[in-house]
Amino acid sequence: MDQSLVDLRHAIETVDDELVSLLVRRMRLSVRIATIKRRNTRPIYDSAREKDVLHRVRKLSQAPMTHDEIDRIYVEVMKVSRAVQKRTMIANKEIK
């Protein structure tokens, strides 16, 4: 296999490692947010907040990634975040 391909794949693996670490960090923050939302009887889903997030990350997006592609990624990230928050709220309800 071409060494440059191997090197580039290794670089992608390094980025993937960083992405996973950042996603875990984001989900841990979501757990903390869920605790506050539950305490204040706020819903998990906040459409205005999600629109704000999409608007903000679109501004950060750069070629070759399109706005549609960053939107698709973040819609999924926020779905997972809502699932984590839901599990947290259910677990906290069962504990109390």
C-alpha atoms as a PDB file:
ATOM      1  CA  MET A   1       0.000   0.000   0.000  1.00  0.00           C
ATOM      2  CA  ASP A   2       1.171   3.515  -0.783  1.00  0.00           C
ATOM      3  CA  GLN A   3       2.915   4.980   2.283  1.00  0.00           C
ATOM      4  CA  SER A   4       1.186   8.341   1.866  1.00  0.00           C
ATOM      5  CA  LEU A   5      -2.181   6.544   2.079  1.00  0.00           C
ATOM      6  CA  VAL A   6      -1.060   4.771   5.241  1.00  0.00           C
ATOM      7  CA  ASP A   7       0.124   8.060   6.719  1.00  0.00           C
ATOM      8  CA  LEU A   8      -3.129   9.821   5.860  1.00  0.00           C
ATOM      9  CA  ARG A   9      -5.190   6.997   7.345  1.00  0.00           C
ATOM     10  CA  HIS A  10      -3.125   7.200  10.498  1.00  0.00           C
ATOM     11  CA  ALA A  11      -3.761  10.957  10.621  1.00  0.00           C
ATOM     12  CA  ILE A  12      -7.505  10.291  10.265  1.00  0.00           C
ATOM     13  CA  GLU A  13      -7.346   7.760  13.110  1.00  0.00           C
ATOM     14  CA  THR A  14      -5.701  10.399  15.291  1.00  0.00           C
ATOM     15  CA  VAL A  15      -8.468  12.866  14.451  1.00  0.00           C
ATOM     16  CA  ASP A  16     -11.079  10.156  15.154  1.00  0.00           C
ATOM     17  CA  ASP A  17      -9.521   9.602  18.580  1.00  0.00           C
ATOM     18  CA  GLU A  18      -9.834  13.310  19.301  1.00  0.00           C
ATOM     19  CA  LEU A  19     -13.425  13.412  18.005  1.00  0.00           C
ATOM     20  CA  VAL A  20     -14.504  10.540  20.224  1.00  0.00           C
ATOM     21  CA  SER A  21     -12.884  12.179  23.224  1.00  0.00           C
ATOM     22  CA  LEU A  22     -14.660  15.463  22.472  1.00  0.00           C
ATOM     23  CA  LEU A  23     -18.000  13.698  21.945  1.00  0.00           C
ATOM     24  CA  VAL A  24     -17.660  11.937  25.292  1.00  0.00           C
ATOM     25  CA  ARG A  25     -16.871  15.278  26.901  1.00  0.00           C
ATOM     26  CA  ARG A  26     -19.938  16.813  25.226  1.00  0.00           C
ATOM     27  CA  MET A  27     -22.181  13.984  26.455  1.00  0.00           C
ATOM     28  CA  ARG A  28     -20.856  14.352  30.012  1.00  0.00           C
ATOM     29  CA  LEU A  29     -21.891  17.992  29.844  1.00  0.00           C
ATOM     30  CA  SER A  30     -25.311  16.835  28.585  1.00  0.00           C
ATOM     31  CA  VAL A  31     -25.655  14.685  31.697  1.00  0.00           C
ATOM     32  CA  ARG A  32     -25.059  17.754  33.852  1.00  0.00           C
ATOM     33  CA  ILE A  33     -27.547  19.751  31.780  1.00  0.00           C
ATOM     34  CA  ALA A  34     -30.154  16.988  32.198  1.00  0.00           C
ATOM     35  CA  THR A  35     -29.807  17.191  35.964  1.00  0.00           C
ATOM     36  CA  ILE A  36     -30.464  20.934  35.877  1.00  0.00           C
ATOM     37  CA  LYS A  37     -33.359  20.541  33.428  1.00  0.00           C
ATOM     38  CA  ARG A  38     -34.973  17.906  35.631  1.00  0.00           C
ATOM     39  CA  ARG A  39     -34.551  20.028  38.744  1.00  0.00           C
ATOM     40  CA  ASN A  40     -36.180  22.989  36.966  1.00  0.00           C
ATOM     41  CA  THR A  41     -38.822  20.855  35.163  1.00  0.00           C
ATOM     42  CA  ARG A  42     -37.578  21.910  31.749  1.00  0.00           C
ATOM     43  CA  PRO A  43     -38.067  19.737  28.672  1.00  0.00           C
ATOM     44  CA  ILE A  44     -35.183  17.884  27.090  1.00  0.00           C
ATOM     45  CA  TYR A  45     -35.887  19.214  23.605  1.00  0.00           C
ATOM     46  CA  ASP A  46     -35.337  22.925  23.067  1.00  0.00           C
ATOM     47  CA  SER A  47     -35.869  23.766  19.396  1.00  0.00           C
ATOM     48  CA  ALA A  48     -34.602  27.337  19.757  1.00  0.00           C
ATOM     49  CA  ARG A  49     -31.366  26.119  21.348  1.00  0.00           C
ATOM     50  CA  GLU A  50     -30.833  23.508  18.640  1.00  0.00           C
ATOM     51  CA  LYS A  51     -31.373  26.125  15.926  1.00  0.00           C
ATOM     52  CA  ASP A  52     -28.813  28.345  17.656  1.00  0.00           C
ATOM     53  CA  VAL A  53     -26.308  25.478  17.769  1.00  0.00           C
ATOM     54  CA  LEU A  54     -26.787  24.749  14.056  1.00  0.00           C
ATOM     55  CA  HIS A  55     -26.442  28.418  13.179  1.00  0.00           C
ATOM     56  CA  ARG A  56     -23.220  28.693  15.210  1.00  0.00           C
ATOM     57  CA  VAL A  57     -21.554  25.569  13.807  1.00  0.00           C
ATOM     58  CA  ARG A  58     -22.514  26.514  10.259  1.00  0.00           C
ATOM     59  CA  LYS A  59     -20.419  29.647  10.701  1.00  0.00           C
ATOM     60  CA  LEU A  60     -17.482  27.478  11.785  1.00  0.00           C
ATOM     61  CA  SER A  61     -17.808  25.074   8.867  1.00  0.00           C
ATOM     62  CA  GLN A  62     -15.219  25.342   6.112  1.00  0.00           C
ATOM     63  CA  ALA A  63     -14.646  23.755   2.717  1.00  0.00           C
ATOM     64  CA  PRO A  64     -14.714  20.996   1.774  1.00  0.00           C
ATOM     65  CA  MET A  65     -17.594  20.505   4.266  1.00  0.00           C
ATOM     66  CA  THR A  66     -20.876  22.107   3.253  1.00  0.00           C
ATOM     67  CA  HIS A  67     -23.422  23.667   5.592  1.00  0.00           C
ATOM     68  CA  ASP A  68     -25.767  20.759   4.858  1.00  0.00           C
ATOM     69  CA  GLU A  69     -23.108  18.249   5.874  1.00  0.00           C
ATOM     70  CA  ILE A  70     -22.304  20.012   9.157  1.00  0.00           C
ATOM     71  CA  ASP A  71     -26.050  20.249   9.836  1.00  0.00           C
ATOM     72  CA  ARG A  72     -26.452  16.488   9.329  1.00  0.00           C
ATOM     73  CA  ILE A  73     -23.593  15.742  11.710  1.00  0.00           C
ATOM     74  CA  TYR A  74     -24.868  18.081  14.405  1.00  0.00           C
ATOM     75  CA  VAL A  75     -28.474  16.942  14.118  1.00  0.00           C
ATOM     76  CA  GLU A  76     -27.201  13.451  14.974  1.00  0.00           C
ATOM     77  CA  VAL A  77     -24.963  14.731  17.786  1.00  0.00           C
ATOM     78  CA  MET A  78     -27.932  16.559  19.303  1.00  0.00           C
ATOM     79  CA  LYS A  79     -30.147  13.439  18.956  1.00  0.00           C
ATOM     80  CA  VAL A  80     -27.589  11.459  20.930  1.00  0.00           C
ATOM     81  CA  SER A  81     -27.356  14.273  23.458  1.00  0.00           C
ATOM     82  CA  ARG A  82     -31.142  14.186  23.954  1.00  0.00           C
ATOM     83  CA  ALA A  83     -31.003  10.398  24.397  1.00  0.00           C
ATOM     84  CA  VAL A  84     -28.272  10.775  27.038  1.00  0.00           C
ATOM     85  CA  GLN A  85     -30.316  13.446  28.800  1.00  0.00           C
ATOM     86  CA  LYS A  86     -33.418  11.244  28.730  1.00  0.00           C
ATOM     87  CA  ARG A  87     -31.519   8.292  30.240  1.00  0.00           C
ATOM     88  CA  THR A  88     -30.083  10.607  32.888  1.00  0.00           C
ATOM     89  CA  MET A  89     -33.485  11.987  33.799  1.00  0.00           C
ATOM     90  CA  ILE A  90     -34.990   8.500  34.028  1.00  0.00           C
ATOM     91  CA  ALA A  91     -32.076   7.265  36.143  1.00  0.00           C
ATOM     92  CA  ASN A  92     -32.314  10.270  38.455  1.00  0.00           C
ATOM     93  CA  LYS A  93     -36.066   9.754  38.820  1.00  0.00           C
ATOM     94  CA  GLU A  94     -35.532   6.134  39.809  1.00  0.00           C
ATOM     95  CA  ILE A  95     -32.855   7.086  42.341  1.00  0.00           C
ATOM     96  CA  LYS A  96     -35.079   9.593  44.159  1.00  0.00           C
END
